[in-house]
Amino acid sequence: MRYLHTMVRVTNLDESLDFYCNKMGLTEVRRIENEGGRFTLVFLAASEDIESGKANAAPLLELTYNWDPETYTGGRNFGHLAYEVDNVYEYCASLQEKGIVINRPPRDGRMAFVRSPDNISFEILQKGGSLEPAEPWVSMPNTGEW
C-alpha cells in the first residue's frame, strides 16, 4: 500500500491556487478538467518533492473545484485520503472479512471507498491499470456515504 493524496474541496480555484502555490510554495503538477462531471482537479506537490524529481511518486494535495456553486458544511470540504494497492478486489475482500463496509465497491476494477470509524473517507485505488470487472463487485450497490 502507498499513500497517494489528500483531497480538499475549494470554492474559488484561482484564490486557492494563489494561497497554495504562491503563498505556501506548492507546485501544480497535474490538472484534470471534467466537463461531464463539471469539476476540475488540480494536484499539487511540495517543493522538496519537485526539487528531488520525486513529485510523481510523493503524496500530493488534490484540490477539487466543483463548477456548480456549493456551500461546504460539516467538513465536506475535506474529501478523502487515497491509497493504492496491488489488487483492489483482494484488498476489499480482506477489509470485508475484518467487518469493514465497502461503501463504494470497486465495480470498475479501479476504485473503492470505505470509511473510518470517524467517517473519514478512504479511496482505495488499483495500482497500474484497472482490473477486469468481476463479481461480486460488479453487482454490489453503494452503501451509505463515501
N, C-alpha and C. Protein backbone atom coordinates (compact mmCIF):
# COMPACT_ATOMS: atom_id res chain seq x y z
N MET A 1 0.85 -1.17 0.00
CA MET A 1 0.00 0.00 0.00
C MET A 1 0.90 1.23 0.00
N ARG A 2 0.47 2.26 -0.75
CA ARG A 2 1.22 3.52 -0.80
C ARG A 2 0.25 4.68 -0.70
N TYR A 3 0.57 5.66 0.15
CA TYR A 3 -0.25 6.85 0.32
C TYR A 3 -0.11 7.72 -0.92
N LEU A 4 -1.26 8.14 -1.51
CA LEU A 4 -1.23 8.89 -2.75
C LEU A 4 -1.51 10.38 -2.59
N HIS A 5 -2.67 10.73 -2.04
CA HIS A 5 -3.00 12.15 -1.95
C HIS A 5 -4.09 12.40 -0.91
N THR A 6 -4.21 13.67 -0.55
CA THR A 6 -5.31 14.15 0.27
C THR A 6 -6.11 15.12 -0.57
N MET A 7 -7.43 15.01 -0.55
CA MET A 7 -8.29 15.88 -1.37
C MET A 7 -9.04 16.84 -0.49
N VAL A 8 -9.06 18.13 -0.91
CA VAL A 8 -9.89 19.14 -0.27
C VAL A 8 -10.69 19.85 -1.37
N ARG A 9 -11.94 20.16 -1.05
CA ARG A 9 -12.78 20.90 -1.99
C ARG A 9 -12.55 22.39 -1.78
N VAL A 10 -12.51 23.12 -2.88
CA VAL A 10 -12.29 24.56 -2.81
C VAL A 10 -13.43 25.28 -3.53
N THR A 11 -13.76 26.47 -3.08
CA THR A 11 -14.87 27.21 -3.68
C THR A 11 -14.41 28.22 -4.72
N ASN A 12 -13.14 28.62 -4.69
CA ASN A 12 -12.61 29.56 -5.67
C ASN A 12 -11.23 29.04 -6.06
N LEU A 13 -11.12 28.48 -7.25
CA LEU A 13 -9.88 27.83 -7.66
C LEU A 13 -8.72 28.82 -7.76
N ASP A 14 -8.95 29.99 -8.36
CA ASP A 14 -7.87 30.97 -8.50
C ASP A 14 -7.35 31.43 -7.14
N GLU A 15 -8.26 31.73 -6.25
CA GLU A 15 -7.88 32.15 -4.90
C GLU A 15 -7.13 31.04 -4.17
N SER A 16 -7.60 29.81 -4.34
CA SER A 16 -6.95 28.68 -3.69
C SER A 16 -5.56 28.43 -4.25
N LEU A 17 -5.42 28.50 -5.58
CA LEU A 17 -4.10 28.30 -6.17
C LEU A 17 -3.13 29.39 -5.73
N ASP A 18 -3.62 30.62 -5.60
CA ASP A 18 -2.78 31.69 -5.09
C ASP A 18 -2.28 31.34 -3.69
N PHE A 19 -3.18 30.87 -2.84
CA PHE A 19 -2.80 30.50 -1.47
C PHE A 19 -1.81 29.34 -1.46
N TYR A 20 -2.19 28.22 -2.10
CA TYR A 20 -1.38 27.01 -2.02
C TYR A 20 -0.05 27.13 -2.78
N CYS A 21 -0.08 27.78 -3.95
CA CYS A 21 1.13 27.87 -4.78
C CYS A 21 1.97 29.11 -4.46
N ASN A 22 1.36 30.26 -4.58
CA ASN A 22 2.11 31.50 -4.40
C ASN A 22 2.49 31.78 -2.95
N LYS A 23 1.66 31.36 -2.04
CA LYS A 23 1.93 31.67 -0.62
C LYS A 23 2.55 30.48 0.12
N MET A 24 2.00 29.29 -0.09
CA MET A 24 2.51 28.11 0.62
C MET A 24 3.71 27.47 -0.08
N GLY A 25 3.87 27.74 -1.38
CA GLY A 25 5.03 27.23 -2.10
C GLY A 25 4.85 25.88 -2.77
N LEU A 26 3.61 25.37 -2.86
CA LEU A 26 3.36 24.13 -3.58
C LEU A 26 3.37 24.41 -5.08
N THR A 27 3.51 23.36 -5.88
CA THR A 27 3.58 23.49 -7.34
C THR A 27 2.55 22.58 -7.99
N GLU A 28 1.83 23.13 -8.96
CA GLU A 28 0.86 22.32 -9.71
C GLU A 28 1.62 21.34 -10.60
N VAL A 29 1.28 20.05 -10.47
CA VAL A 29 1.94 19.03 -11.29
C VAL A 29 0.98 18.32 -12.24
N ARG A 30 -0.31 18.46 -12.01
CA ARG A 30 -1.29 17.79 -12.89
C ARG A 30 -2.64 18.46 -12.72
N ARG A 31 -3.39 18.53 -13.84
CA ARG A 31 -4.74 19.11 -13.80
C ARG A 31 -5.64 18.26 -14.67
N ILE A 32 -6.86 18.03 -14.16
CA ILE A 32 -7.87 17.28 -14.90
C ILE A 32 -9.14 18.12 -14.95
N GLU A 33 -9.60 18.41 -16.15
CA GLU A 33 -10.86 19.13 -16.35
C GLU A 33 -11.89 18.09 -16.78
N ASN A 34 -12.99 17.98 -16.06
CA ASN A 34 -14.02 17.01 -16.41
C ASN A 34 -15.32 17.76 -16.69
N GLU A 35 -15.58 18.00 -17.98
CA GLU A 35 -16.79 18.75 -18.35
C GLU A 35 -18.06 18.00 -17.99
N GLY A 36 -18.07 16.68 -18.20
CA GLY A 36 -19.25 15.88 -17.88
C GLY A 36 -19.59 15.91 -16.41
N GLY A 37 -18.58 15.80 -15.57
CA GLY A 37 -18.79 15.83 -14.12
C GLY A 37 -18.79 17.24 -13.56
N ARG A 38 -18.45 18.21 -14.38
CA ARG A 38 -18.44 19.63 -14.01
C ARG A 38 -17.51 19.90 -12.81
N PHE A 39 -16.26 19.41 -12.95
CA PHE A 39 -15.29 19.68 -11.90
C PHE A 39 -13.89 19.77 -12.49
N THR A 40 -12.99 20.38 -11.71
CA THR A 40 -11.57 20.45 -12.04
C THR A 40 -10.80 19.89 -10.86
N LEU A 41 -9.82 19.04 -11.15
CA LEU A 41 -8.91 18.52 -10.13
C LEU A 41 -7.52 19.10 -10.41
N VAL A 42 -6.90 19.65 -9.39
CA VAL A 42 -5.55 20.18 -9.51
C VAL A 42 -4.70 19.49 -8.44
N PHE A 43 -3.61 18.84 -8.88
CA PHE A 43 -2.73 18.13 -7.97
C PHE A 43 -1.48 18.97 -7.72
N LEU A 44 -1.15 19.15 -6.45
CA LEU A 44 -0.03 19.98 -6.04
C LEU A 44 1.02 19.15 -5.30
N ALA A 45 2.30 19.47 -5.57
CA ALA A 45 3.41 18.78 -4.91
C ALA A 45 4.21 19.78 -4.09
N ALA A 46 4.86 19.26 -3.08
CA ALA A 46 5.73 20.08 -2.23
C ALA A 46 7.04 20.38 -2.96
N SER A 47 7.64 21.51 -2.62
CA SER A 47 8.86 21.95 -3.31
C SER A 47 9.98 20.92 -3.21
N GLU A 48 10.14 20.29 -2.07
CA GLU A 48 11.21 19.30 -1.90
C GLU A 48 11.00 18.12 -2.86
N ASP A 49 9.74 17.72 -3.06
CA ASP A 49 9.46 16.62 -3.98
C ASP A 49 9.71 17.03 -5.42
N ILE A 50 9.44 18.29 -5.75
CA ILE A 50 9.73 18.81 -7.10
C ILE A 50 11.24 18.82 -7.32
N GLU A 51 11.98 19.38 -6.36
CA GLU A 51 13.43 19.50 -6.48
C GLU A 51 14.13 18.15 -6.57
N SER A 52 13.62 17.15 -5.89
CA SER A 52 14.24 15.83 -5.90
C SER A 52 13.81 15.00 -7.11
N GLY A 53 12.87 15.52 -7.89
CA GLY A 53 12.39 14.77 -9.05
C GLY A 53 11.43 13.66 -8.69
N LYS A 54 10.91 13.68 -7.47
CA LYS A 54 10.03 12.61 -7.00
C LYS A 54 8.58 13.05 -6.87
N ALA A 55 8.20 14.15 -7.51
CA ALA A 55 6.84 14.69 -7.34
C ALA A 55 5.78 13.69 -7.77
N ASN A 56 6.04 12.88 -8.77
CA ASN A 56 5.04 11.91 -9.23
C ASN A 56 4.93 10.70 -8.32
N ALA A 57 5.92 10.50 -7.44
CA ALA A 57 5.89 9.37 -6.52
C ALA A 57 5.53 9.79 -5.10
N ALA A 58 5.51 11.09 -4.84
CA ALA A 58 5.25 11.59 -3.49
C ALA A 58 3.76 11.84 -3.29
N PRO A 59 3.30 11.85 -2.04
CA PRO A 59 1.91 12.22 -1.78
C PRO A 59 1.63 13.64 -2.26
N LEU A 60 0.46 13.83 -2.83
CA LEU A 60 0.06 15.12 -3.38
C LEU A 60 -1.14 15.68 -2.64
N LEU A 61 -1.38 16.97 -2.82
CA LEU A 61 -2.60 17.60 -2.37
C LEU A 61 -3.48 17.78 -3.59
N GLU A 62 -4.69 17.24 -3.55
CA GLU A 62 -5.64 17.37 -4.65
C GLU A 62 -6.67 18.43 -4.29
N LEU A 63 -6.74 19.48 -5.10
CA LEU A 63 -7.78 20.49 -4.95
C LEU A 63 -8.91 20.11 -5.89
N THR A 64 -10.12 19.97 -5.36
CA THR A 64 -11.29 19.67 -6.19
C THR A 64 -12.16 20.91 -6.23
N TYR A 65 -12.35 21.41 -7.46
CA TYR A 65 -13.20 22.57 -7.67
C TYR A 65 -14.43 22.13 -8.45
N ASN A 66 -15.59 22.15 -7.78
CA ASN A 66 -16.85 21.82 -8.44
C ASN A 66 -17.38 23.09 -9.10
N TRP A 67 -17.68 23.01 -10.39
CA TRP A 67 -18.06 24.19 -11.15
C TRP A 67 -19.38 24.80 -10.69
N ASP A 68 -20.28 23.97 -10.21
CA ASP A 68 -21.56 24.48 -9.71
C ASP A 68 -21.37 24.88 -8.25
N PRO A 69 -21.77 26.10 -7.89
CA PRO A 69 -21.56 26.58 -6.51
C PRO A 69 -22.18 25.63 -5.47
N GLU A 70 -21.44 25.44 -4.41
CA GLU A 70 -21.89 24.59 -3.31
C GLU A 70 -21.30 25.13 -2.02
N THR A 71 -22.10 25.13 -0.97
CA THR A 71 -21.61 25.52 0.35
C THR A 71 -21.22 24.26 1.08
N TYR A 72 -19.99 24.20 1.55
CA TYR A 72 -19.49 23.02 2.23
C TYR A 72 -19.66 23.18 3.73
N THR A 73 -20.39 22.26 4.33
CA THR A 73 -20.61 22.28 5.77
C THR A 73 -20.23 20.92 6.34
N GLY A 74 -20.04 20.87 7.62
CA GLY A 74 -19.78 19.59 8.28
C GLY A 74 -18.54 18.89 7.79
N GLY A 75 -17.52 19.64 7.37
CA GLY A 75 -16.28 19.02 6.92
C GLY A 75 -16.32 18.51 5.50
N ARG A 76 -17.37 18.85 4.74
CA ARG A 76 -17.47 18.33 3.38
C ARG A 76 -16.37 18.88 2.47
N ASN A 77 -15.73 19.96 2.86
CA ASN A 77 -14.64 20.47 2.04
C ASN A 77 -13.43 19.54 2.06
N PHE A 78 -13.31 18.73 3.11
CA PHE A 78 -12.27 17.69 3.14
C PHE A 78 -12.85 16.46 2.49
N GLY A 79 -12.19 15.94 1.50
CA GLY A 79 -12.75 14.84 0.74
C GLY A 79 -12.36 13.46 1.23
N HIS A 80 -11.10 13.07 1.04
CA HIS A 80 -10.71 11.70 1.36
C HIS A 80 -9.20 11.57 1.35
N LEU A 81 -8.73 10.47 1.91
CA LEU A 81 -7.34 10.05 1.79
C LEU A 81 -7.32 8.94 0.74
N ALA A 82 -6.25 8.87 -0.04
CA ALA A 82 -6.20 7.88 -1.12
C ALA A 82 -4.95 7.00 -0.98
N TYR A 83 -5.16 5.71 -1.18
CA TYR A 83 -4.08 4.73 -1.16
C TYR A 83 -4.22 3.82 -2.36
N GLU A 84 -3.08 3.40 -2.92
CA GLU A 84 -3.15 2.42 -3.99
C GLU A 84 -2.69 1.07 -3.45
N VAL A 85 -3.28 0.01 -4.00
CA VAL A 85 -2.98 -1.35 -3.57
C VAL A 85 -2.70 -2.22 -4.78
N ASP A 86 -2.04 -3.36 -4.55
CA ASP A 86 -1.69 -4.26 -5.65
C ASP A 86 -2.91 -4.89 -6.30
N ASN A 87 -3.94 -5.20 -5.50
CA ASN A 87 -5.15 -5.82 -6.05
C ASN A 87 -6.35 -5.30 -5.26
N VAL A 88 -7.13 -4.41 -5.89
CA VAL A 88 -8.25 -3.76 -5.21
C VAL A 88 -9.31 -4.77 -4.76
N TYR A 89 -9.51 -5.82 -5.54
CA TYR A 89 -10.51 -6.84 -5.16
C TYR A 89 -10.07 -7.60 -3.92
N GLU A 90 -8.83 -8.05 -3.90
CA GLU A 90 -8.33 -8.80 -2.75
C GLU A 90 -8.31 -7.91 -1.50
N TYR A 91 -7.92 -6.66 -1.67
CA TYR A 91 -7.85 -5.76 -0.53
C TYR A 91 -9.24 -5.51 0.05
N CYS A 92 -10.22 -5.26 -0.83
CA CYS A 92 -11.59 -5.03 -0.36
C CYS A 92 -12.17 -6.29 0.30
N ALA A 93 -11.87 -7.44 -0.25
CA ALA A 93 -12.33 -8.70 0.35
C ALA A 93 -11.73 -8.85 1.75
N SER A 94 -10.46 -8.50 1.90
CA SER A 94 -9.80 -8.58 3.20
C SER A 94 -10.46 -7.62 4.19
N LEU A 95 -10.80 -6.42 3.73
CA LEU A 95 -11.48 -5.47 4.61
C LEU A 95 -12.84 -6.00 5.03
N GLN A 96 -13.58 -6.57 4.08
CA GLN A 96 -14.89 -7.14 4.41
C GLN A 96 -14.77 -8.24 5.45
N GLU A 97 -13.76 -9.09 5.30
CA GLU A 97 -13.54 -10.17 6.26
C GLU A 97 -13.28 -9.62 7.66
N LYS A 98 -12.79 -8.40 7.73
CA LYS A 98 -12.49 -7.75 9.01
C LYS A 98 -13.65 -6.89 9.49
N GLY A 99 -14.80 -6.97 8.80
CA GLY A 99 -16.00 -6.26 9.23
C GLY A 99 -16.15 -4.85 8.70
N ILE A 100 -15.34 -4.47 7.71
CA ILE A 100 -15.41 -3.13 7.14
C ILE A 100 -16.42 -3.12 5.99
N VAL A 101 -17.31 -2.13 5.99
CA VAL A 101 -18.29 -1.96 4.92
C VAL A 101 -17.60 -1.30 3.73
N ILE A 102 -17.80 -1.87 2.55
CA ILE A 102 -17.29 -1.27 1.32
C ILE A 102 -18.38 -0.32 0.83
N ASN A 103 -18.21 0.98 1.09
CA ASN A 103 -19.27 1.94 0.76
C ASN A 103 -19.44 2.13 -0.74
N ARG A 104 -18.35 2.13 -1.47
CA ARG A 104 -18.39 2.22 -2.93
C ARG A 104 -17.53 1.07 -3.43
N PRO A 105 -18.16 -0.03 -3.86
CA PRO A 105 -17.40 -1.20 -4.30
C PRO A 105 -16.59 -0.91 -5.57
N PRO A 106 -15.54 -1.69 -5.80
CA PRO A 106 -14.69 -1.48 -6.98
C PRO A 106 -15.30 -2.11 -8.24
N ARG A 107 -16.50 -1.68 -8.58
CA ARG A 107 -17.20 -2.25 -9.75
C ARG A 107 -16.40 -2.10 -11.04
N ASP A 108 -15.61 -1.04 -11.12
CA ASP A 108 -14.85 -0.76 -12.33
C ASP A 108 -13.45 -1.39 -12.31
N GLY A 109 -13.14 -2.14 -11.24
CA GLY A 109 -11.82 -2.74 -11.13
C GLY A 109 -10.73 -1.72 -10.83
N ARG A 110 -11.13 -0.53 -10.44
CA ARG A 110 -10.16 0.56 -10.26
C ARG A 110 -10.25 1.25 -8.90
N MET A 111 -11.48 1.49 -8.41
CA MET A 111 -11.64 2.38 -7.26
C MET A 111 -12.72 1.88 -6.32
N ALA A 112 -12.44 2.00 -5.03
CA ALA A 112 -13.41 1.68 -3.99
C ALA A 112 -13.28 2.75 -2.90
N PHE A 113 -14.33 2.86 -2.07
CA PHE A 113 -14.29 3.77 -0.93
C PHE A 113 -14.76 3.03 0.31
N VAL A 114 -14.09 3.30 1.43
CA VAL A 114 -14.50 2.84 2.75
C VAL A 114 -14.41 4.04 3.68
N ARG A 115 -14.99 3.89 4.88
CA ARG A 115 -14.92 4.97 5.86
C ARG A 115 -14.36 4.46 7.17
N SER A 116 -13.65 5.34 7.85
CA SER A 116 -13.09 5.01 9.15
C SER A 116 -14.21 5.10 10.19
N PRO A 117 -13.93 4.67 11.43
CA PRO A 117 -14.93 4.81 12.49
C PRO A 117 -15.33 6.27 12.72
N ASP A 118 -14.46 7.21 12.35
CA ASP A 118 -14.75 8.63 12.49
C ASP A 118 -15.31 9.24 11.21
N ASN A 119 -15.72 8.37 10.27
CA ASN A 119 -16.30 8.77 8.99
C ASN A 119 -15.35 9.50 8.06
N ILE A 120 -14.06 9.23 8.17
CA ILE A 120 -13.08 9.73 7.21
C ILE A 120 -13.13 8.78 6.01
N SER A 121 -13.29 9.34 4.82
CA SER A 121 -13.35 8.51 3.62
C SER A 121 -11.95 8.15 3.13
N PHE A 122 -11.80 6.90 2.74
CA PHE A 122 -10.57 6.40 2.15
C PHE A 122 -10.87 5.86 0.77
N GLU A 123 -10.15 6.40 -0.22
CA GLU A 123 -10.25 5.91 -1.59
C GLU A 123 -9.17 4.86 -1.76
N ILE A 124 -9.58 3.68 -2.22
CA ILE A 124 -8.64 2.60 -2.47
C ILE A 124 -8.55 2.44 -3.98
N LEU A 125 -7.35 2.65 -4.53
CA LEU A 125 -7.15 2.62 -5.97
C LEU A 125 -6.27 1.45 -6.39
N GLN A 126 -6.62 0.86 -7.51
CA GLN A 126 -5.85 -0.22 -8.09
C GLN A 126 -4.53 0.33 -8.64
N LYS A 127 -3.43 -0.26 -8.25
CA LYS A 127 -2.13 0.13 -8.77
C LYS A 127 -2.07 -0.24 -10.25
N GLY A 128 -1.56 0.66 -11.07
CA GLY A 128 -1.48 0.40 -12.51
C GLY A 128 -2.85 0.53 -13.14
N GLY A 129 -3.12 -0.26 -14.16
CA GLY A 129 -4.41 -0.22 -14.84
C GLY A 129 -5.51 -0.91 -14.07
N SER A 130 -6.73 -0.66 -14.48
CA SER A 130 -7.90 -1.28 -13.85
C SER A 130 -7.90 -2.79 -14.07
N LEU A 131 -8.42 -3.51 -13.09
CA LEU A 131 -8.64 -4.95 -13.26
C LEU A 131 -9.92 -5.15 -14.07
N GLU A 132 -10.08 -6.31 -14.64
CA GLU A 132 -11.32 -6.64 -15.35
C GLU A 132 -12.46 -6.63 -14.34
N PRO A 133 -13.61 -6.03 -14.70
CA PRO A 133 -14.77 -6.06 -13.79
C PRO A 133 -15.10 -7.50 -13.41
N ALA A 134 -15.41 -7.71 -12.13
CA ALA A 134 -15.65 -9.06 -11.63
C ALA A 134 -16.69 -9.04 -10.52
N GLU A 135 -17.39 -10.16 -10.39
CA GLU A 135 -18.33 -10.35 -9.29
C GLU A 135 -17.56 -10.73 -8.03
N PRO A 136 -18.06 -10.42 -6.87
CA PRO A 136 -19.37 -9.87 -6.58
C PRO A 136 -19.44 -8.36 -6.71
N TRP A 137 -18.30 -7.76 -7.05
CA TRP A 137 -18.17 -6.31 -7.04
C TRP A 137 -19.06 -5.61 -8.05
N VAL A 138 -19.16 -6.16 -9.25
CA VAL A 138 -19.93 -5.52 -10.32
C VAL A 138 -21.38 -5.30 -9.90
N SER A 139 -21.97 -6.26 -9.20
CA SER A 139 -23.37 -6.20 -8.80
C SER A 139 -23.62 -5.55 -7.45
N MET A 140 -22.57 -5.22 -6.74
CA MET A 140 -22.71 -4.71 -5.38
C MET A 140 -23.10 -3.22 -5.41
N PRO A 141 -24.16 -2.84 -4.70
CA PRO A 141 -24.58 -1.43 -4.68
C PRO A 141 -23.71 -0.62 -3.70
N ASN A 142 -23.78 0.70 -3.86
CA ASN A 142 -23.15 1.60 -2.88
C ASN A 142 -23.89 1.46 -1.55
N THR A 143 -23.17 1.70 -0.47
CA THR A 143 -23.75 1.62 0.86
C THR A 143 -23.40 2.91 1.61
N GLY A 144 -24.42 3.63 2.05
CA GLY A 144 -24.17 4.85 2.82
C GLY A 144 -23.47 5.90 2.01
N GLU A 145 -22.71 6.73 2.68
CA GLU A 145 -21.95 7.80 2.04
C GLU A 145 -20.51 7.40 1.89
N TRP A 146 -19.83 8.02 0.95
CA TRP A 146 -18.40 7.76 0.78
C TRP A 146 -17.74 9.00 0.31
